[in-house]
Amino acid sequence: MKAFAYPVLLLLFISCNQPITSNEGENIKEPAVTYIIINARNENQFYDIYIQDTSAIKALNDYLKNKYNGAHNTYLQLNYFNDSIVAKSYFKNQFDENLSEKIKDKLFKSFIANYKYNPSTRYDQLEYEH
C-alpha cells in the first residue's frame, strides 16, 4: 500500500503547483501571498476572500479571476478583506437593521477591494474601496 501512496502524493503535489492558463494563453501562477476563501457562493460566483498582504491584491485577483472564470462566460465577484472575521459575516451585517451605522462603518474599513466581471456587458473592474 505504501508503494502506491508515494506516486499518488507526488502526482498530487505536482498538479497543485501548476500555473493556470487563461484564454489568452498566458500562464498565471498562484502568487506567494496568504489568502483564504472565506465564503463561496458558487451559484452566482461570489467569493469573499481574506488576504493578509493587501498590496498583493492585484496579483491575487489576476490569478483568481482566471481560476474561477477563465472562459469569461459567467458573472464573477471577488470581495477582498484584511480581516477574516469581518469577511465571514460582512454582507449579512451590512444589511442588519439592528447594527448601528458606526459599527457598519467600522466593518467597512476591512473591506479593501472588489472585483466584478459581467459577461453580458463585459464590465471587468477591480476597485479599491480605500
N, C-alpha and C. Protein backbone atom coordinates (compact mmCIF):
# COMPACT_ATOMS: atom_id res chain seq x y z
N MET A 1 0.82 -1.20 0.00
CA MET A 1 0.00 0.00 0.00
C MET A 1 0.86 1.26 0.00
N LYS A 2 1.99 1.24 0.76
CA LYS A 2 2.86 2.41 0.79
C LYS A 2 3.45 2.69 -0.59
N ALA A 3 3.76 1.65 -1.33
CA ALA A 3 4.34 1.83 -2.66
C ALA A 3 3.38 2.58 -3.58
N PHE A 4 2.10 2.40 -3.38
CA PHE A 4 1.09 3.09 -4.18
C PHE A 4 0.91 4.54 -3.72
N ALA A 5 1.06 4.79 -2.43
CA ALA A 5 0.80 6.11 -1.87
C ALA A 5 1.82 7.15 -2.33
N TYR A 6 3.08 6.79 -2.45
CA TYR A 6 4.11 7.75 -2.84
C TYR A 6 3.89 8.32 -4.24
N PRO A 7 3.62 7.50 -5.26
CA PRO A 7 3.36 8.08 -6.59
C PRO A 7 2.12 8.96 -6.61
N VAL A 8 1.09 8.59 -5.87
CA VAL A 8 -0.13 9.39 -5.82
C VAL A 8 0.15 10.74 -5.18
N LEU A 9 0.89 10.75 -4.08
CA LEU A 9 1.24 12.02 -3.42
C LEU A 9 2.11 12.89 -4.32
N LEU A 10 3.04 12.28 -5.03
CA LEU A 10 3.89 13.03 -5.94
C LEU A 10 3.06 13.65 -7.06
N LEU A 11 2.15 12.90 -7.62
CA LEU A 11 1.27 13.40 -8.67
C LEU A 11 0.41 14.55 -8.15
N LEU A 12 -0.13 14.41 -6.96
CA LEU A 12 -0.95 15.45 -6.35
C LEU A 12 -0.14 16.71 -6.11
N PHE A 13 1.08 16.57 -5.60
CA PHE A 13 1.94 17.72 -5.35
C PHE A 13 2.26 18.46 -6.65
N ILE A 14 2.59 17.72 -7.68
CA ILE A 14 2.94 18.33 -8.97
C ILE A 14 1.74 19.03 -9.57
N SER A 15 0.56 18.44 -9.52
CA SER A 15 -0.62 19.03 -10.13
C SER A 15 -1.10 20.26 -9.38
N CYS A 16 -0.87 20.37 -8.09
CA CYS A 16 -1.32 21.52 -7.31
C CYS A 16 -0.49 22.76 -7.57
N ASN A 17 0.71 22.61 -8.06
CA ASN A 17 1.59 23.76 -8.25
C ASN A 17 1.68 24.18 -9.71
N GLN A 18 0.70 23.81 -10.52
CA GLN A 18 0.73 24.15 -11.93
C GLN A 18 0.08 25.51 -12.16
N PRO A 19 0.62 26.29 -13.08
CA PRO A 19 0.02 27.59 -13.39
C PRO A 19 -1.31 27.41 -14.10
N ILE A 20 -2.17 28.40 -13.97
CA ILE A 20 -3.45 28.41 -14.66
C ILE A 20 -3.24 29.10 -16.00
N THR A 21 -3.81 28.55 -17.04
CA THR A 21 -3.70 29.16 -18.36
C THR A 21 -5.00 29.87 -18.67
N SER A 22 -4.92 31.14 -18.98
CA SER A 22 -6.10 31.91 -19.32
C SER A 22 -6.43 31.70 -20.80
N ASN A 23 -7.55 32.26 -21.25
CA ASN A 23 -7.95 32.14 -22.66
C ASN A 23 -6.93 32.76 -23.59
N GLU A 24 -6.23 33.76 -23.13
CA GLU A 24 -5.24 34.41 -23.96
C GLU A 24 -3.95 33.60 -24.06
N GLY A 25 -3.87 32.48 -23.36
CA GLY A 25 -2.72 31.61 -23.42
C GLY A 25 -1.63 31.95 -22.44
N GLU A 26 -1.82 32.97 -21.61
CA GLU A 26 -0.79 33.34 -20.66
C GLU A 26 -0.88 32.44 -19.42
N ASN A 27 0.26 32.09 -18.88
CA ASN A 27 0.30 31.29 -17.66
C ASN A 27 0.25 32.22 -16.46
N ILE A 28 -0.68 31.96 -15.57
CA ILE A 28 -0.80 32.76 -14.37
C ILE A 28 -0.59 31.84 -13.18
N LYS A 29 0.52 32.03 -12.52
CA LYS A 29 0.88 31.20 -11.38
C LYS A 29 0.31 31.82 -10.10
N GLU A 30 -0.08 30.96 -9.17
CA GLU A 30 -0.62 31.42 -7.90
C GLU A 30 0.43 32.27 -7.18
N PRO A 31 0.06 33.51 -6.81
CA PRO A 31 1.05 34.37 -6.14
C PRO A 31 1.38 33.86 -4.75
N ALA A 32 2.56 34.20 -4.29
CA ALA A 32 3.02 33.78 -2.96
C ALA A 32 2.47 34.77 -1.93
N VAL A 33 1.20 34.64 -1.65
CA VAL A 33 0.53 35.51 -0.68
C VAL A 33 -0.45 34.66 0.12
N THR A 34 -0.58 34.97 1.39
CA THR A 34 -1.51 34.24 2.24
C THR A 34 -2.92 34.76 2.00
N TYR A 35 -3.82 33.86 1.62
CA TYR A 35 -5.22 34.22 1.44
C TYR A 35 -6.09 33.02 1.76
N ILE A 36 -7.35 33.30 2.09
CA ILE A 36 -8.31 32.25 2.42
C ILE A 36 -9.64 32.63 1.77
N ILE A 37 -10.26 31.69 1.08
CA ILE A 37 -11.62 31.90 0.59
C ILE A 37 -12.53 31.68 1.80
N ILE A 38 -13.14 32.75 2.29
CA ILE A 38 -13.97 32.67 3.49
C ILE A 38 -15.38 32.19 3.14
N ASN A 39 -16.01 32.83 2.18
CA ASN A 39 -17.35 32.46 1.73
C ASN A 39 -17.29 32.25 0.23
N ALA A 40 -17.93 31.19 -0.23
CA ALA A 40 -18.03 30.92 -1.66
C ALA A 40 -19.49 30.62 -1.98
N ARG A 41 -20.10 31.57 -2.62
CA ARG A 41 -21.49 31.39 -3.05
C ARG A 41 -21.44 31.09 -4.54
N ASN A 42 -21.19 29.82 -4.84
CA ASN A 42 -20.86 29.40 -6.21
C ASN A 42 -21.99 29.52 -7.20
N GLU A 43 -23.25 29.52 -6.74
CA GLU A 43 -24.34 29.60 -7.69
C GLU A 43 -24.27 30.90 -8.51
N ASN A 44 -23.70 31.94 -7.93
CA ASN A 44 -23.55 33.21 -8.64
C ASN A 44 -22.09 33.63 -8.77
N GLN A 45 -21.18 32.78 -8.39
CA GLN A 45 -19.75 33.06 -8.45
C GLN A 45 -19.37 34.29 -7.62
N PHE A 46 -19.79 34.31 -6.37
CA PHE A 46 -19.41 35.35 -5.42
C PHE A 46 -18.43 34.74 -4.42
N TYR A 47 -17.32 35.43 -4.18
CA TYR A 47 -16.32 34.94 -3.24
C TYR A 47 -15.89 36.07 -2.31
N ASP A 48 -15.85 35.78 -1.01
CA ASP A 48 -15.31 36.70 -0.02
C ASP A 48 -13.96 36.14 0.40
N ILE A 49 -12.93 36.97 0.28
CA ILE A 49 -11.56 36.49 0.42
C ILE A 49 -10.81 37.32 1.46
N TYR A 50 -10.17 36.61 2.39
CA TYR A 50 -9.25 37.27 3.33
C TYR A 50 -7.87 37.24 2.69
N ILE A 51 -7.20 38.39 2.67
CA ILE A 51 -5.84 38.46 2.15
C ILE A 51 -4.96 39.16 3.18
N GLN A 52 -3.87 38.51 3.54
CA GLN A 52 -3.00 39.03 4.59
C GLN A 52 -2.24 40.27 4.12
N ASP A 53 -1.67 40.22 2.93
CA ASP A 53 -0.88 41.33 2.39
C ASP A 53 -1.70 42.03 1.32
N THR A 54 -2.35 43.13 1.68
CA THR A 54 -3.26 43.79 0.74
C THR A 54 -2.54 44.41 -0.45
N SER A 55 -1.23 44.57 -0.38
CA SER A 55 -0.50 45.10 -1.53
C SER A 55 -0.45 44.07 -2.67
N ALA A 56 -0.81 42.83 -2.39
CA ALA A 56 -0.78 41.77 -3.41
C ALA A 56 -2.15 41.48 -4.00
N ILE A 57 -3.11 42.35 -3.77
CA ILE A 57 -4.47 42.11 -4.27
C ILE A 57 -4.49 41.99 -5.79
N LYS A 58 -3.79 42.84 -6.50
CA LYS A 58 -3.81 42.81 -7.97
C LYS A 58 -3.32 41.46 -8.49
N ALA A 59 -2.21 40.98 -7.97
CA ALA A 59 -1.67 39.68 -8.42
C ALA A 59 -2.62 38.54 -8.08
N LEU A 60 -3.17 38.56 -6.86
CA LEU A 60 -4.12 37.51 -6.47
C LEU A 60 -5.38 37.59 -7.31
N ASN A 61 -5.85 38.79 -7.58
CA ASN A 61 -7.05 38.96 -8.39
C ASN A 61 -6.86 38.40 -9.80
N ASP A 62 -5.72 38.67 -10.42
CA ASP A 62 -5.43 38.13 -11.75
C ASP A 62 -5.47 36.61 -11.73
N TYR A 63 -4.90 36.03 -10.70
CA TYR A 63 -4.88 34.57 -10.57
C TYR A 63 -6.30 34.02 -10.37
N LEU A 64 -7.04 34.59 -9.41
CA LEU A 64 -8.37 34.06 -9.08
C LEU A 64 -9.40 34.27 -10.18
N LYS A 65 -9.36 35.40 -10.85
CA LYS A 65 -10.36 35.62 -11.90
C LYS A 65 -10.16 34.63 -13.04
N ASN A 66 -8.92 34.23 -13.31
CA ASN A 66 -8.70 33.21 -14.33
C ASN A 66 -9.00 31.80 -13.81
N LYS A 67 -8.80 31.59 -12.53
CA LYS A 67 -9.11 30.28 -11.95
C LYS A 67 -10.62 30.03 -11.96
N TYR A 68 -11.40 31.03 -11.55
CA TYR A 68 -12.84 30.85 -11.42
C TYR A 68 -13.63 31.20 -12.67
N ASN A 69 -13.04 31.95 -13.59
CA ASN A 69 -13.79 32.36 -14.77
C ASN A 69 -12.85 32.58 -15.95
N GLY A 70 -11.99 31.64 -16.21
CA GLY A 70 -11.01 31.76 -17.29
C GLY A 70 -11.66 31.90 -18.66
N ALA A 71 -12.83 31.32 -18.83
CA ALA A 71 -13.52 31.40 -20.13
C ALA A 71 -14.30 32.71 -20.29
N HIS A 72 -14.38 33.50 -19.23
CA HIS A 72 -15.10 34.77 -19.26
C HIS A 72 -16.55 34.60 -19.71
N ASN A 73 -17.21 33.57 -19.23
CA ASN A 73 -18.57 33.31 -19.66
C ASN A 73 -19.60 33.38 -18.53
N THR A 74 -19.19 33.80 -17.35
CA THR A 74 -20.11 33.87 -16.23
C THR A 74 -19.79 35.08 -15.36
N TYR A 75 -20.80 35.53 -14.63
CA TYR A 75 -20.62 36.65 -13.71
C TYR A 75 -19.67 36.21 -12.59
N LEU A 76 -18.79 37.11 -12.17
CA LEU A 76 -17.85 36.80 -11.10
C LEU A 76 -17.68 38.03 -10.22
N GLN A 77 -17.72 37.82 -8.91
CA GLN A 77 -17.44 38.90 -7.97
C GLN A 77 -16.51 38.37 -6.89
N LEU A 78 -15.40 39.09 -6.69
CA LEU A 78 -14.40 38.75 -5.67
C LEU A 78 -14.32 39.93 -4.71
N ASN A 79 -14.57 39.69 -3.44
CA ASN A 79 -14.52 40.72 -2.41
C ASN A 79 -13.33 40.45 -1.51
N TYR A 80 -12.45 41.44 -1.34
CA TYR A 80 -11.22 41.27 -0.58
C TYR A 80 -11.30 42.00 0.75
N PHE A 81 -10.91 41.29 1.82
CA PHE A 81 -10.93 41.81 3.18
C PHE A 81 -9.57 41.61 3.83
N ASN A 82 -9.23 42.51 4.77
CA ASN A 82 -7.98 42.33 5.52
C ASN A 82 -8.24 41.76 6.91
N ASP A 83 -9.46 41.33 7.17
CA ASP A 83 -9.84 40.74 8.45
C ASP A 83 -10.75 39.54 8.17
N SER A 84 -10.29 38.36 8.52
CA SER A 84 -11.05 37.14 8.19
C SER A 84 -12.36 37.04 8.96
N ILE A 85 -12.41 37.57 10.16
CA ILE A 85 -13.64 37.51 10.96
C ILE A 85 -14.71 38.43 10.35
N VAL A 86 -14.30 39.61 9.94
CA VAL A 86 -15.23 40.53 9.29
C VAL A 86 -15.72 39.93 7.97
N ALA A 87 -14.83 39.33 7.21
CA ALA A 87 -15.19 38.75 5.92
C ALA A 87 -16.27 37.68 6.04
N LYS A 88 -16.25 36.96 7.14
CA LYS A 88 -17.18 35.85 7.32
C LYS A 88 -18.64 36.31 7.32
N SER A 89 -18.91 37.48 7.88
CA SER A 89 -20.31 37.92 8.00
C SER A 89 -20.53 39.36 7.55
N TYR A 90 -19.63 39.90 6.75
CA TYR A 90 -19.69 41.31 6.37
C TYR A 90 -21.02 41.69 5.72
N PHE A 91 -21.43 40.98 4.69
CA PHE A 91 -22.62 41.38 3.95
C PHE A 91 -23.90 41.16 4.76
N LYS A 92 -23.91 40.14 5.58
CA LYS A 92 -25.05 39.93 6.47
C LYS A 92 -25.16 41.10 7.45
N ASN A 93 -24.03 41.52 8.01
CA ASN A 93 -24.03 42.61 8.98
C ASN A 93 -24.37 43.96 8.35
N GLN A 94 -23.96 44.17 7.11
CA GLN A 94 -24.26 45.45 6.46
C GLN A 94 -25.76 45.65 6.24
N PHE A 95 -26.50 44.58 6.14
CA PHE A 95 -27.95 44.68 5.93
C PHE A 95 -28.74 44.43 7.21
N ASP A 96 -28.06 44.30 8.32
CA ASP A 96 -28.71 44.09 9.62
C ASP A 96 -29.19 45.44 10.17
N GLU A 97 -30.48 45.60 10.27
CA GLU A 97 -31.05 46.86 10.76
C GLU A 97 -30.80 47.09 12.24
N ASN A 98 -30.38 46.07 12.95
CA ASN A 98 -30.11 46.20 14.38
C ASN A 98 -28.70 46.73 14.67
N LEU A 99 -27.85 46.77 13.67
CA LEU A 99 -26.49 47.29 13.87
C LEU A 99 -26.46 48.78 13.53
N SER A 100 -25.71 49.51 14.32
CA SER A 100 -25.61 50.95 14.10
C SER A 100 -24.74 51.25 12.88
N GLU A 101 -24.91 52.45 12.34
CA GLU A 101 -24.09 52.89 11.21
C GLU A 101 -22.63 52.98 11.61
N LYS A 102 -22.37 53.31 12.87
CA LYS A 102 -20.99 53.40 13.36
C LYS A 102 -20.31 52.03 13.28
N ILE A 103 -21.00 50.99 13.68
CA ILE A 103 -20.45 49.63 13.60
C ILE A 103 -20.26 49.22 12.15
N LYS A 104 -21.22 49.54 11.30
CA LYS A 104 -21.12 49.20 9.88
C LYS A 104 -19.94 49.92 9.23
N ASP A 105 -19.72 51.16 9.62
CA ASP A 105 -18.56 51.91 9.10
C ASP A 105 -17.25 51.27 9.54
N LYS A 106 -17.24 50.80 10.78
CA LYS A 106 -16.03 50.14 11.30
C LYS A 106 -15.75 48.85 10.51
N LEU A 107 -16.80 48.10 10.21
CA LEU A 107 -16.65 46.87 9.42
C LEU A 107 -16.17 47.19 8.01
N PHE A 108 -16.67 48.30 7.46
CA PHE A 108 -16.31 48.68 6.09
C PHE A 108 -14.81 48.93 5.94
N LYS A 109 -14.15 49.32 7.00
CA LYS A 109 -12.72 49.58 6.94
C LYS A 109 -11.92 48.32 6.59
N SER A 110 -12.50 47.15 6.82
CA SER A 110 -11.83 45.89 6.50
C SER A 110 -12.14 45.41 5.09
N PHE A 111 -13.08 46.06 4.41
CA PHE A 111 -13.44 45.72 3.04
C PHE A 111 -12.53 46.51 2.12
N ILE A 112 -11.50 45.87 1.58
CA ILE A 112 -10.41 46.56 0.90
C ILE A 112 -10.66 46.77 -0.59
N ALA A 113 -11.13 45.74 -1.27
CA ALA A 113 -11.30 45.85 -2.72
C ALA A 113 -12.39 44.91 -3.19
N ASN A 114 -12.83 45.16 -4.44
CA ASN A 114 -13.91 44.40 -5.02
C ASN A 114 -13.64 44.26 -6.52
N TYR A 115 -13.75 43.03 -7.02
CA TYR A 115 -13.61 42.79 -8.46
C TYR A 115 -14.93 42.27 -8.99
N LYS A 116 -15.37 42.80 -10.13
CA LYS A 116 -16.59 42.33 -10.77
C LYS A 116 -16.34 42.12 -12.26
N TYR A 117 -16.91 41.01 -12.75
CA TYR A 117 -16.92 40.75 -14.18
C TYR A 117 -18.33 40.38 -14.58
N ASN A 118 -18.86 41.06 -15.60
CA ASN A 118 -20.19 40.77 -16.11
C ASN A 118 -20.05 40.40 -17.59
N PRO A 119 -20.37 39.15 -17.96
CA PRO A 119 -20.15 38.72 -19.34
C PRO A 119 -21.06 39.41 -20.35
N SER A 120 -22.25 39.83 -19.95
CA SER A 120 -23.16 40.45 -20.92
C SER A 120 -22.72 41.87 -21.27
N THR A 121 -22.16 42.61 -20.32
CA THR A 121 -21.72 43.98 -20.59
C THR A 121 -20.21 44.07 -20.78
N ARG A 122 -19.48 42.99 -20.47
CA ARG A 122 -18.01 42.94 -20.48
C ARG A 122 -17.39 43.89 -19.45
N TYR A 123 -18.17 44.21 -18.42
CA TYR A 123 -17.64 45.02 -17.33
C TYR A 123 -16.59 44.18 -16.61
N ASP A 124 -15.39 44.71 -16.45
CA ASP A 124 -14.26 43.96 -15.90
C ASP A 124 -13.42 44.94 -15.10
N GLN A 125 -13.68 45.02 -13.77
CA GLN A 125 -13.06 46.08 -12.99
C GLN A 125 -12.69 45.63 -11.58
N LEU A 126 -11.47 45.98 -11.16
CA LEU A 126 -11.02 45.83 -9.79
C LEU A 126 -11.03 47.22 -9.18
N GLU A 127 -11.82 47.40 -8.11
CA GLU A 127 -11.94 48.71 -7.46
C GLU A 127 -11.48 48.61 -6.01
N TYR A 128 -10.65 49.54 -5.62
CA TYR A 128 -10.21 49.62 -4.24
C TYR A 128 -11.16 50.52 -3.47
N GLU A 129 -11.56 50.10 -2.28
CA GLU A 129 -12.54 50.84 -1.50
C GLU A 129 -11.91 51.95 -0.68
N HIS A 130 -10.64 51.83 -0.36
CA HIS A 130 -9.98 52.85 0.48
C HIS A 130 -8.72 53.34 -0.19
